[in-house]
Each structure stands twice: as structure tokens, then as C-alpha cells.
Amino acid sequence: MQKQAIIIVTGYRKQAIELAHEIAAFLHDAAIAADIYEYDKKSTAAPPAAPYAFAVSLGGDGTVLFAARFCAAQGIPVFPINFGTFGFIAGIKPSDW
């Protein structure tokens, strides 16, 4: 079975969406299927459940917390890339992903 990942991205930041697609293509080349879920900062609905091996969050700390609520119950690790202002939780710079 092919590995799967979910990319949870802040939907209002163009650069974050562009990087989400770049990461999805990178994962595809590594034989990892990736679903992109756009988080609108208002939604409380969880992304669709699937047997994800890991998650990538692209946004600020709020996006990381949203991803963590979804992923923690399923034991899915989250790789947070910061597109926010402060970056207390999401400490990885977009250029360092």
C-alpha cells in the first residue's frame, strides 16, 4: 500500500498554497500520495480521515493547532511550516522545508 500524507494549508495565503502544491509534487515523486486540505481559520470540521503517515501544516500557529487536533487522535505526526507572524509553534521557515 502506498504511503499517504495530508497537507493542511492556510487557504488565504497564496505563497502557502503554492508551496503546498510544490510539496505535494515532491511527495508524489517519492511515491507518497498527498491530499491538500485548505484551512480557512473558521472551520472546525476535520479533514477527511485516511491512513495518513504524516501531516504537513503550512500557516501560522493556529493552523498547526488545527492540524494537531485532527492528527493527535490518530497518532499522526505534524511537520509545521511557518507562514504566520509569530511562529511560536510553527518554527520551520518555508525556505527550509
PDB file of N, CA and C in Angstrom:
ATOM      1  N   MET A   1       0.833  -1.172   0.000  1.00  0.00           N
ATOM      2  CA  MET A   1       0.000   0.000   0.000  1.00  0.00           C
ATOM      3  C   MET A   1       0.888   1.249   0.000  1.00  0.00           C
ATOM      4  N   GLN A   2       0.540   2.230  -0.810  1.00  0.00           N
ATOM      5  CA  GLN A   2       1.304   3.464  -0.927  1.00  0.00           C
ATOM      6  C   GLN A   2       1.096   4.329   0.317  1.00  0.00           C
ATOM      7  N   LYS A   3       2.178   4.968   0.785  1.00  0.00           N
ATOM      8  CA  LYS A   3       2.060   5.895   1.902  1.00  0.00           C
ATOM      9  C   LYS A   3       1.246   7.102   1.477  1.00  0.00           C
ATOM     10  N   GLN A   4       0.574   7.702   2.476  1.00  0.00           N
ATOM     11  CA  GLN A   4      -0.232   8.888   2.230  1.00  0.00           C
ATOM     12  C   GLN A   4       0.126   9.969   3.235  1.00  0.00           C
ATOM     13  N   ALA A   5       0.027  11.210   2.799  1.00  0.00           N
ATOM     14  CA  ALA A   5       0.240  12.365   3.663  1.00  0.00           C
ATOM     15  C   ALA A   5      -0.890  13.353   3.435  1.00  0.00           C
ATOM     16  N   ILE A   6      -1.102  14.199   4.421  1.00  0.00           N
ATOM     17  CA  ILE A   6      -2.062  15.284   4.259  1.00  0.00           C
ATOM     18  C   ILE A   6      -1.315  16.599   4.459  1.00  0.00           C
ATOM     19  N   ILE A   7      -1.600  17.548   3.594  1.00  0.00           N
ATOM     20  CA  ILE A   7      -1.018  18.884   3.685  1.00  0.00           C
ATOM     21  C   ILE A   7      -2.155  19.821   4.059  1.00  0.00           C
ATOM     22  N   ILE A   8      -2.069  20.376   5.254  1.00  0.00           N
ATOM     23  CA  ILE A   8      -3.094  21.300   5.743  1.00  0.00           C
ATOM     24  C   ILE A   8      -2.538  22.703   5.583  1.00  0.00           C
ATOM     25  N   VAL A   9      -3.188  23.490   4.740  1.00  0.00           N
ATOM     26  CA  VAL A   9      -2.638  24.790   4.348  1.00  0.00           C
ATOM     27  C   VAL A   9      -3.631  25.907   4.611  1.00  0.00           C
ATOM     28  N   THR A  10      -3.121  27.027   5.108  1.00  0.00           N
ATOM     29  CA  THR A  10      -3.944  28.221   5.270  1.00  0.00           C
ATOM     30  C   THR A  10      -4.377  28.677   3.886  1.00  0.00           C
ATOM     31  N   GLY A  11      -5.668  28.680   3.649  1.00  0.00           N
ATOM     32  CA  GLY A  11      -6.186  28.949   2.311  1.00  0.00           C
ATOM     33  C   GLY A  11      -6.117  30.381   1.844  1.00  0.00           C
ATOM     34  N   TYR A  12      -5.792  31.315   2.726  1.00  0.00           N
ATOM     35  CA  TYR A  12      -5.788  32.709   2.304  1.00  0.00           C
ATOM     36  C   TYR A  12      -4.380  33.238   1.996  1.00  0.00           C
ATOM     37  N   ARG A  13      -3.374  32.400   2.058  1.00  0.00           N
ATOM     38  CA  ARG A  13      -2.008  32.839   1.745  1.00  0.00           C
ATOM     39  C   ARG A  13      -1.548  32.166   0.453  1.00  0.00           C
ATOM     40  N   LYS A  14      -1.427  32.965  -0.589  1.00  0.00           N
ATOM     41  CA  LYS A  14      -1.066  32.442  -1.911  1.00  0.00           C
ATOM     42  C   LYS A  14       0.249  31.662  -1.869  1.00  0.00           C
ATOM     43  N   GLN A  15       1.248  32.192  -1.172  1.00  0.00           N
ATOM     44  CA  GLN A  15       2.549  31.522  -1.111  1.00  0.00           C
ATOM     45  C   GLN A  15       2.447  30.169  -0.414  1.00  0.00           C
ATOM     46  N   ALA A  16       1.588  30.068   0.586  1.00  0.00           N
ATOM     47  CA  ALA A  16       1.412  28.801   1.288  1.00  0.00           C
ATOM     48  C   ALA A  16       0.765  27.765   0.372  1.00  0.00           C
ATOM     49  N   ILE A  17      -0.220  28.202  -0.406  1.00  0.00           N
ATOM     50  CA  ILE A  17      -0.884  27.286  -1.336  1.00  0.00           C
ATOM     51  C   ILE A  17       0.092  26.827  -2.412  1.00  0.00           C
ATOM     52  N   GLU A  18       0.898  27.752  -2.920  1.00  0.00           N
ATOM     53  CA  GLU A  18       1.896  27.383  -3.924  1.00  0.00           C
ATOM     54  C   GLU A  18       2.887  26.364  -3.362  1.00  0.00           C
ATOM     55  N   LEU A  19       3.356  26.584  -2.120  1.00  0.00           N
ATOM     56  CA  LEU A  19       4.291  25.642  -1.510  1.00  0.00           C
ATOM     57  C   LEU A  19       3.616  24.300  -1.241  1.00  0.00           C
ATOM     58  N   ALA A  20       2.339  24.306  -0.894  1.00  0.00           N
ATOM     59  CA  ALA A  20       1.611  23.053  -0.686  1.00  0.00           C
ATOM     60  C   ALA A  20       1.642  22.200  -1.953  1.00  0.00           C
ATOM     61  N   HIS A  21       1.433  22.826  -3.092  1.00  0.00           N
ATOM     62  CA  HIS A  21       1.473  22.085  -4.358  1.00  0.00           C
ATOM     63  C   HIS A  21       2.893  21.616  -4.690  1.00  0.00           C
ATOM     64  N   GLU A  22       3.891  22.428  -4.356  1.00  0.00           N
ATOM     65  CA  GLU A  22       5.285  22.026  -4.553  1.00  0.00           C
ATOM     66  C   GLU A  22       5.632  20.816  -3.683  1.00  0.00           C
ATOM     67  N   ILE A  23       5.190  20.838  -2.439  1.00  0.00           N
ATOM     68  CA  ILE A  23       5.446  19.711  -1.534  1.00  0.00           C
ATOM     69  C   ILE A  23       4.699  18.470  -2.013  1.00  0.00           C
ATOM     70  N   ALA A  24       3.459  18.645  -2.465  1.00  0.00           N
ATOM     71  CA  ALA A  24       2.687  17.505  -2.976  1.00  0.00           C
ATOM     72  C   ALA A  24       3.398  16.862  -4.164  1.00  0.00           C
ATOM     73  N   ALA A  25       3.959  17.673  -5.052  1.00  0.00           N
ATOM     74  CA  ALA A  25       4.693  17.136  -6.207  1.00  0.00           C
ATOM     75  C   ALA A  25       5.961  16.411  -5.745  1.00  0.00           C
ATOM     76  N   PHE A  26       6.661  16.978  -4.773  1.00  0.00           N
ATOM     77  CA  PHE A  26       7.857  16.348  -4.214  1.00  0.00           C
ATOM     78  C   PHE A  26       7.502  14.984  -3.618  1.00  0.00           C
ATOM     79  N   LEU A  27       6.416  14.942  -2.852  1.00  0.00           N
ATOM     80  CA  LEU A  27       5.985  13.679  -2.239  1.00  0.00           C
ATOM     81  C   LEU A  27       5.565  12.675  -3.310  1.00  0.00           C
ATOM     82  N   HIS A  28       4.869  13.146  -4.329  1.00  0.00           N
ATOM     83  CA  HIS A  28       4.461  12.265  -5.423  1.00  0.00           C
ATOM     84  C   HIS A  28       5.672  11.594  -6.057  1.00  0.00           C
ATOM     85  N   ASP A  29       6.748  12.388  -6.275  1.00  0.00           N
ATOM     86  CA  ASP A  29       7.980  11.837  -6.847  1.00  0.00           C
ATOM     87  C   ASP A  29       8.631  10.810  -5.919  1.00  0.00           C
ATOM     88  N   ALA A  30       8.336  10.910  -4.621  1.00  0.00           N
ATOM     89  CA  ALA A  30       8.859   9.961  -3.633  1.00  0.00           C
ATOM     90  C   ALA A  30       7.863   8.829  -3.370  1.00  0.00           C
ATOM     91  N   ALA A  31       6.861   8.685  -4.235  1.00  0.00           N
ATOM     92  CA  ALA A  31       5.842   7.629  -4.145  1.00  0.00           C
ATOM     93  C   ALA A  31       4.995   7.745  -2.878  1.00  0.00           C
ATOM     94  N   ILE A  32       4.697   8.992  -2.491  1.00  0.00           N
ATOM     95  CA  ILE A  32       3.813   9.257  -1.355  1.00  0.00           C
ATOM     96  C   ILE A  32       2.647  10.093  -1.876  1.00  0.00           C
ATOM     97  N   ALA A  33       1.451   9.583  -1.737  1.00  0.00           N
ATOM     98  CA  ALA A  33       0.266  10.325  -2.166  1.00  0.00           C
ATOM     99  C   ALA A  33      -0.005  11.435  -1.158  1.00  0.00           C
ATOM    100  N   ALA A  34      -0.404  12.595  -1.641  1.00  0.00           N
ATOM    101  CA  ALA A  34      -0.664  13.723  -0.744  1.00  0.00           C
ATOM    102  C   ALA A  34      -2.008  14.362  -1.063  1.00  0.00           C
ATOM    103  N   ASP A  35      -2.802  14.561  -0.018  1.00  0.00           N
ATOM    104  CA  ASP A  35      -4.053  15.299  -0.119  1.00  0.00           C
ATOM    105  C   ASP A  35      -3.814  16.697   0.429  1.00  0.00           C
ATOM    106  N   ILE A  36      -4.361  17.697  -0.233  1.00  0.00           N
ATOM    107  CA  ILE A  36      -4.251  19.075   0.239  1.00  0.00           C
ATOM    108  C   ILE A  36      -5.602  19.489   0.808  1.00  0.00           C
ATOM    109  N   TYR A  37      -5.573  19.976   2.042  1.00  0.00           N
ATOM    110  CA  TYR A  37      -6.780  20.460   2.719  1.00  0.00           C
ATOM    111  C   TYR A  37      -6.572  21.935   3.040  1.00  0.00           C
ATOM    112  N   GLU A  38      -7.427  22.804   2.506  1.00  0.00           N
ATOM    113  CA  GLU A  38      -7.317  24.233   2.771  1.00  0.00           C
ATOM    114  C   GLU A  38      -8.107  24.590   4.022  1.00  0.00           C
ATOM    115  N   TYR A  39      -7.394  25.126   5.002  1.00  0.00           N
ATOM    116  CA  TYR A  39      -7.981  25.554   6.268  1.00  0.00           C
ATOM    117  C   TYR A  39      -8.303  27.032   6.171  1.00  0.00           C
ATOM    118  N   ASP A  40      -9.532  27.410   6.514  1.00  0.00           N
ATOM    119  CA  ASP A  40      -9.977  28.800   6.340  1.00  0.00           C
ATOM    120  C   ASP A  40      -9.978  29.614   7.636  1.00  0.00           C
ATOM    121  N   LYS A  41      -9.393  29.098   8.693  1.00  0.00           N
ATOM    122  CA  LYS A  41      -9.312  29.741  10.007  1.00  0.00           C
ATOM    123  C   LYS A  41     -10.651  29.798  10.727  1.00  0.00           C
ATOM    124  N   LYS A  42     -11.712  29.302  10.134  1.00  0.00           N
ATOM    125  CA  LYS A  42     -13.026  29.316  10.772  1.00  0.00           C
ATOM    126  C   LYS A  42     -13.565  27.903  10.948  1.00  0.00           C
ATOM    127  N   SER A  43     -13.151  27.013  10.073  1.00  0.00           N
ATOM    128  CA  SER A  43     -13.689  25.667  10.056  1.00  0.00           C
ATOM    129  C   SER A  43     -13.298  24.885  11.309  1.00  0.00           C
ATOM    130  N   THR A  44     -14.234  24.125  11.810  1.00  0.00           N
ATOM    131  CA  THR A  44     -13.931  23.203  12.900  1.00  0.00           C
ATOM    132  C   THR A  44     -14.054  21.765  12.404  1.00  0.00           C
ATOM    133  N   ALA A  45     -14.492  21.616  11.157  1.00  0.00           N
ATOM    134  CA  ALA A  45     -14.637  20.278  10.580  1.00  0.00           C
ATOM    135  C   ALA A  45     -13.258  19.701  10.285  1.00  0.00           C
ATOM    136  N   ALA A  46     -13.089  18.454  10.652  1.00  0.00           N
ATOM    137  CA  ALA A  46     -11.813  17.781  10.416  1.00  0.00           C
ATOM    138  C   ALA A  46     -11.663  17.429   8.944  1.00  0.00           C
ATOM    139  N   PRO A  47     -10.429  17.378   8.469  1.00  0.00           N
ATOM    140  CA  PRO A  47     -10.199  16.885   7.107  1.00  0.00           C
ATOM    141  C   PRO A  47     -10.684  15.445   6.999  1.00  0.00           C
ATOM    142  N   PRO A  48     -10.902  14.954   5.792  1.00  0.00           N
ATOM    143  CA  PRO A  48     -11.364  13.570   5.641  1.00  0.00           C
ATOM    144  C   PRO A  48     -10.353  12.597   6.231  1.00  0.00           C
ATOM    145  N   ALA A  49     -10.866  11.597   6.922  1.00  0.00           N
ATOM    146  CA  ALA A  49      -9.996  10.601   7.546  1.00  0.00           C
ATOM    147  C   ALA A  49      -9.401   9.682   6.486  1.00  0.00           C
ATOM    148  N   ALA A  50      -8.163   9.352   6.664  1.00  0.00           N
ATOM    149  CA  ALA A  50      -7.446   8.417   5.791  1.00  0.00           C
ATOM    150  C   ALA A  50      -6.249   7.902   6.585  1.00  0.00           C
ATOM    151  N   PRO A  51      -5.642   6.846   6.138  1.00  0.00           N
ATOM    152  CA  PRO A  51      -4.478   6.320   6.863  1.00  0.00           C
ATOM    153  C   PRO A  51      -3.208   7.117   6.565  1.00  0.00           C
ATOM    154  N   TYR A  52      -3.185   8.384   7.025  1.00  0.00           N
ATOM    155  CA  TYR A  52      -2.044   9.251   6.748  1.00  0.00           C
ATOM    156  C   TYR A  52      -0.842   8.852   7.590  1.00  0.00           C
ATOM    157  N   ALA A  53       0.335   8.835   6.964  1.00  0.00           N
ATOM    158  CA  ALA A  53       1.577   8.537   7.675  1.00  0.00           C
ATOM    159  C   ALA A  53       2.080   9.779   8.404  1.00  0.00           C
ATOM    160  N   PHE A  54       1.805  10.951   7.836  1.00  0.00           N
ATOM    161  CA  PHE A  54       2.215  12.207   8.451  1.00  0.00           C
ATOM    162  C   PHE A  54       1.422  13.351   7.842  1.00  0.00           C
ATOM    163  N   ALA A  55       1.530  14.514   8.497  1.00  0.00           N
ATOM    164  CA  ALA A  55       0.868  15.725   8.017  1.00  0.00           C
ATOM    165  C   ALA A  55       1.893  16.840   7.922  1.00  0.00           C
ATOM    166  N   VAL A  56       1.649  17.735   6.988  1.00  0.00           N
ATOM    167  CA  VAL A  56       2.440  18.954   6.856  1.00  0.00           C
ATOM    168  C   VAL A  56       1.455  20.095   7.035  1.00  0.00           C
ATOM    169  N   SER A  57       1.765  21.032   7.920  1.00  0.00           N
ATOM    170  CA  SER A  57       0.894  22.200   8.053  1.00  0.00           C
ATOM    171  C   SER A  57       1.651  23.414   7.553  1.00  0.00           C
ATOM    172  N   LEU A  58       0.962  24.221   6.759  1.00  0.00           N
ATOM    173  CA  LEU A  58       1.534  25.452   6.217  1.00  0.00           C
ATOM    174  C   LEU A  58       0.629  26.590   6.623  1.00  0.00           C
ATOM    175  N   GLY A  59       1.090  27.390   7.551  1.00  0.00           N
ATOM    176  CA  GLY A  59       0.310  28.502   8.062  1.00  0.00           C
ATOM    177  C   GLY A  59       0.958  28.997   9.334  1.00  0.00           C
ATOM    178  N   GLY A  60       0.158  29.623  10.150  1.00  0.00           N
ATOM    179  CA  GLY A  60       0.649  30.099  11.434  1.00  0.00           C
ATOM    180  C   GLY A  60       0.377  29.080  12.530  1.00  0.00           C
ATOM    181  N   ASP A  61       0.532  29.552  13.756  1.00  0.00           N
ATOM    182  CA  ASP A  61       0.324  28.665  14.899  1.00  0.00           C
ATOM    183  C   ASP A  61      -1.111  28.135  14.959  1.00  0.00           C
ATOM    184  N   GLY A  62      -2.079  28.927  14.527  1.00  0.00           N
ATOM    185  CA  GLY A  62      -3.470  28.468  14.509  1.00  0.00           C
ATOM    186  C   GLY A  62      -3.673  27.288  13.574  1.00  0.00           C
ATOM    187  N   THR A  63      -2.993  27.296  12.450  1.00  0.00           N
ATOM    188  CA  THR A  63      -3.076  26.183  11.505  1.00  0.00           C
ATOM    189  C   THR A  63      -2.440  24.931  12.102  1.00  0.00           C
ATOM    190  N   VAL A  64      -1.335  25.113  12.814  1.00  0.00           N
ATOM    191  CA  VAL A  64      -0.685  23.973  13.478  1.00  0.00           C
ATOM    192  C   VAL A  64      -1.622  23.384  14.534  1.00  0.00           C
ATOM    193  N   LEU A  65      -2.255  24.239  15.318  1.00  0.00           N
ATOM    194  CA  LEU A  65      -3.178  23.745  16.341  1.00  0.00           C
ATOM    195  C   LEU A  65      -4.368  23.022  15.722  1.00  0.00           C
ATOM    196  N   PHE A  66      -4.896  23.552  14.623  1.00  0.00           N
ATOM    197  CA  PHE A  66      -5.977  22.866  13.913  1.00  0.00           C
ATOM    198  C   PHE A  66      -5.511  21.487  13.450  1.00  0.00           C
ATOM    199  N   ALA A  67      -4.329  21.433  12.837  1.00  0.00           N
ATOM    200  CA  ALA A  67      -3.781  20.161  12.363  1.00  0.00           C
ATOM    201  C   ALA A  67      -3.551  19.203  13.531  1.00  0.00           C
ATOM    202  N   ALA A  68      -3.046  19.717  14.630  1.00  0.00           N
ATOM    203  CA  ALA A  68      -2.765  18.875  15.794  1.00  0.00           C
ATOM    204  C   ALA A  68      -4.037  18.266  16.371  1.00  0.00           C
ATOM    205  N   ARG A  69      -5.114  19.045  16.419  1.00  0.00           N
ATOM    206  CA  ARG A  69      -6.389  18.492  16.928  1.00  0.00           C
ATOM    207  C   ARG A  69      -6.849  17.320  16.072  1.00  0.00           C
ATOM    208  N   PHE A  70      -6.693  17.447  14.777  1.00  0.00           N
ATOM    209  CA  PHE A  70      -7.088  16.380  13.863  1.00  0.00           C
ATOM    210  C   PHE A  70      -6.139  15.192  13.962  1.00  0.00           C
ATOM    211  N   CYS A  71      -4.860  15.452  14.018  1.00  0.00           N
ATOM    212  CA  CYS A  71      -3.849  14.400  13.912  1.00  0.00           C
ATOM    213  C   CYS A  71      -3.551  13.678  15.226  1.00  0.00           C
ATOM    214  N   ALA A  72      -3.663  14.366  16.342  1.00  0.00           N
ATOM    215  CA  ALA A  72      -3.288  13.767  17.628  1.00  0.00           C
ATOM    216  C   ALA A  72      -4.081  12.507  17.933  1.00  0.00           C
ATOM    217  N   ALA A  73      -5.374  12.549  17.694  1.00  0.00           N
ATOM    218  CA  ALA A  73      -6.223  11.394  17.997  1.00  0.00           C
ATOM    219  C   ALA A  73      -5.864  10.173  17.161  1.00  0.00           C
ATOM    220  N   GLN A  74      -5.241  10.405  16.017  1.00  0.00           N
ATOM    221  CA  GLN A  74      -4.875   9.315  15.122  1.00  0.00           C
ATOM    222  C   GLN A  74      -3.382   8.985  15.183  1.00  0.00           C
ATOM    223  N   GLY A  75      -2.645   9.694  16.023  1.00  0.00           N
ATOM    224  CA  GLY A  75      -1.217   9.441  16.153  1.00  0.00           C
ATOM    225  C   GLY A  75      -0.413   9.844  14.932  1.00  0.00           C
ATOM    226  N   ILE A  76      -0.852  10.883  14.232  1.00  0.00           N
ATOM    227  CA  ILE A  76      -0.189  11.336  13.011  1.00  0.00           C
ATOM    228  C   ILE A  76       0.761  12.481  13.369  1.00  0.00           C
ATOM    229  N   PRO A  77       2.054  12.355  13.071  1.00  0.00           N
ATOM    230  CA  PRO A  77       2.967  13.461  13.340  1.00  0.00           C
ATOM    231  C   PRO A  77       2.727  14.623  12.385  1.00  0.00           C
ATOM    232  N   VAL A  78       2.967  15.845  12.887  1.00  0.00           N
ATOM    233  CA  VAL A  78       2.745  17.057  12.107  1.00  0.00           C
ATOM    234  C   VAL A  78       4.077  17.780  11.918  1.00  0.00           C
ATOM    235  N   PHE A  79       4.379  18.116  10.661  1.00  0.00           N
ATOM    236  CA  PHE A  79       5.567  18.884  10.298  1.00  0.00           C
ATOM    237  C   PHE A  79       5.100  20.307  10.019  1.00  0.00           C
ATOM    238  N   PRO A  80       5.350  21.264  10.936  1.00  0.00           N
ATOM    239  CA  PRO A  80       4.798  22.609  10.784  1.00  0.00           C
ATOM    240  C   PRO A  80       5.734  23.581  10.060  1.00  0.00           C
ATOM    241  N   ILE A  81       5.248  24.188   8.986  1.00  0.00           N
ATOM    242  CA  ILE A  81       5.998  25.196   8.244  1.00  0.00           C
ATOM    243  C   ILE A  81       5.310  26.539   8.481  1.00  0.00           C
ATOM    244  N   ASN A  82       6.079  27.521   8.925  1.00  0.00           N
ATOM    245  CA  ASN A  82       5.524  28.791   9.368  1.00  0.00           C
ATOM    246  C   ASN A  82       5.247  29.762   8.228  1.00  0.00           C
ATOM    247  N   PHE A  83       3.990  30.163   8.119  1.00  0.00           N
ATOM    248  CA  PHE A  83       3.595  31.253   7.238  1.00  0.00           C
ATOM    249  C   PHE A  83       2.890  32.331   8.041  1.00  0.00           C
ATOM    250  N   GLY A  84       2.991  32.236   9.358  1.00  0.00           N
ATOM    251  CA  GLY A  84       2.335  33.209  10.224  1.00  0.00           C
ATOM    252  C   GLY A  84       3.271  34.339  10.601  1.00  0.00           C
ATOM    253  N   THR A  85       2.872  35.061  11.621  1.00  0.00           N
ATOM    254  CA  THR A  85       3.643  36.212  12.071  1.00  0.00           C
ATOM    255  C   THR A  85       4.632  35.837  13.165  1.00  0.00           C
ATOM    256  N   PHE A  86       4.162  35.137  14.169  1.00  0.00           N
ATOM    257  CA  PHE A  86       4.984  34.863  15.332  1.00  0.00           C
ATOM    258  C   PHE A  86       5.803  33.588  15.177  1.00  0.00           C
ATOM    259  N   GLY A  87       5.167  32.492  14.868  1.00  0.00           N
ATOM    260  CA  GLY A  87       5.878  31.234  14.652  1.00  0.00           C
ATOM    261  C   GLY A  87       6.361  30.559  15.909  1.00  0.00           C
ATOM    262  N   PHE A  88       5.600  30.667  16.984  1.00  0.00           N
ATOM    263  CA  PHE A  88       5.985  30.025  18.244  1.00  0.00           C
ATOM    264  C   PHE A  88       5.956  28.510  18.115  1.00  0.00           C
ATOM    265  N   ILE A  89       4.929  27.974  17.473  1.00  0.00           N
ATOM    266  CA  ILE A  89       4.797  26.521  17.295  1.00  0.00           C
ATOM    267  C   ILE A  89       5.354  26.097  15.950  1.00  0.00           C
ATOM    268  N   ALA A  90       4.996  26.830  14.919  1.00  0.00           N
ATOM    269  CA  ALA A  90       5.450  26.508  13.563  1.00  0.00           C
ATOM    270  C   ALA A  90       6.767  27.224  13.328  1.00  0.00           C
ATOM    271  N   GLY A  91       7.862  26.604  13.693  1.00  0.00           N
ATOM    272  CA  GLY A  91       9.151  27.273  13.643  1.00  0.00           C
ATOM    273  C   GLY A  91       9.958  27.053  12.388  1.00  0.00           C
ATOM    274  N   ILE A  92       9.492  26.227  11.464  1.00  0.00           N
ATOM    275  CA  ILE A  92      10.250  25.931  10.252  1.00  0.00           C
ATOM    276  C   ILE A  92       9.918  26.961   9.179  1.00  0.00           C
ATOM    277  N   LYS A  93      10.937  27.581   8.637  1.00  0.00           N
ATOM    278  CA  LYS A  93      10.744  28.592   7.596  1.00  0.00           C
ATOM    279  C   LYS A  93      10.370  27.916   6.272  1.00  0.00           C
ATOM    280  N   PRO A  94       9.557  28.558   5.457  1.00  0.00           N
ATOM    281  CA  PRO A  94       9.188  27.990   4.161  1.00  0.00           C
ATOM    282  C   PRO A  94      10.408  27.620   3.309  1.00  0.00           C
ATOM    283  N   SER A  95      11.451  28.417   3.374  1.00  0.00           N
ATOM    284  CA  SER A  95      12.652  28.132   2.567  1.00  0.00           C
ATOM    285  C   SER A  95      13.439  26.923   3.086  1.00  0.00           C
ATOM    286  N   ASP A  96      13.136  26.476   4.313  1.00  0.00           N
ATOM    287  CA  ASP A  96      13.868  25.351   4.922  1.00  0.00           C
ATOM    288  C   ASP A  96      13.100  24.037   4.907  1.00  0.00           C
ATOM    289  N   TRP A  97      11.956  23.998   4.273  1.00  0.00           N
ATOM    290  CA  TRP A  97      11.136  22.781   4.363  1.00  0.00           C
ATOM    291  C   TRP A  97      11.866  21.594   3.852  1.00  0.00           C
TER     292      TRP A  97
END
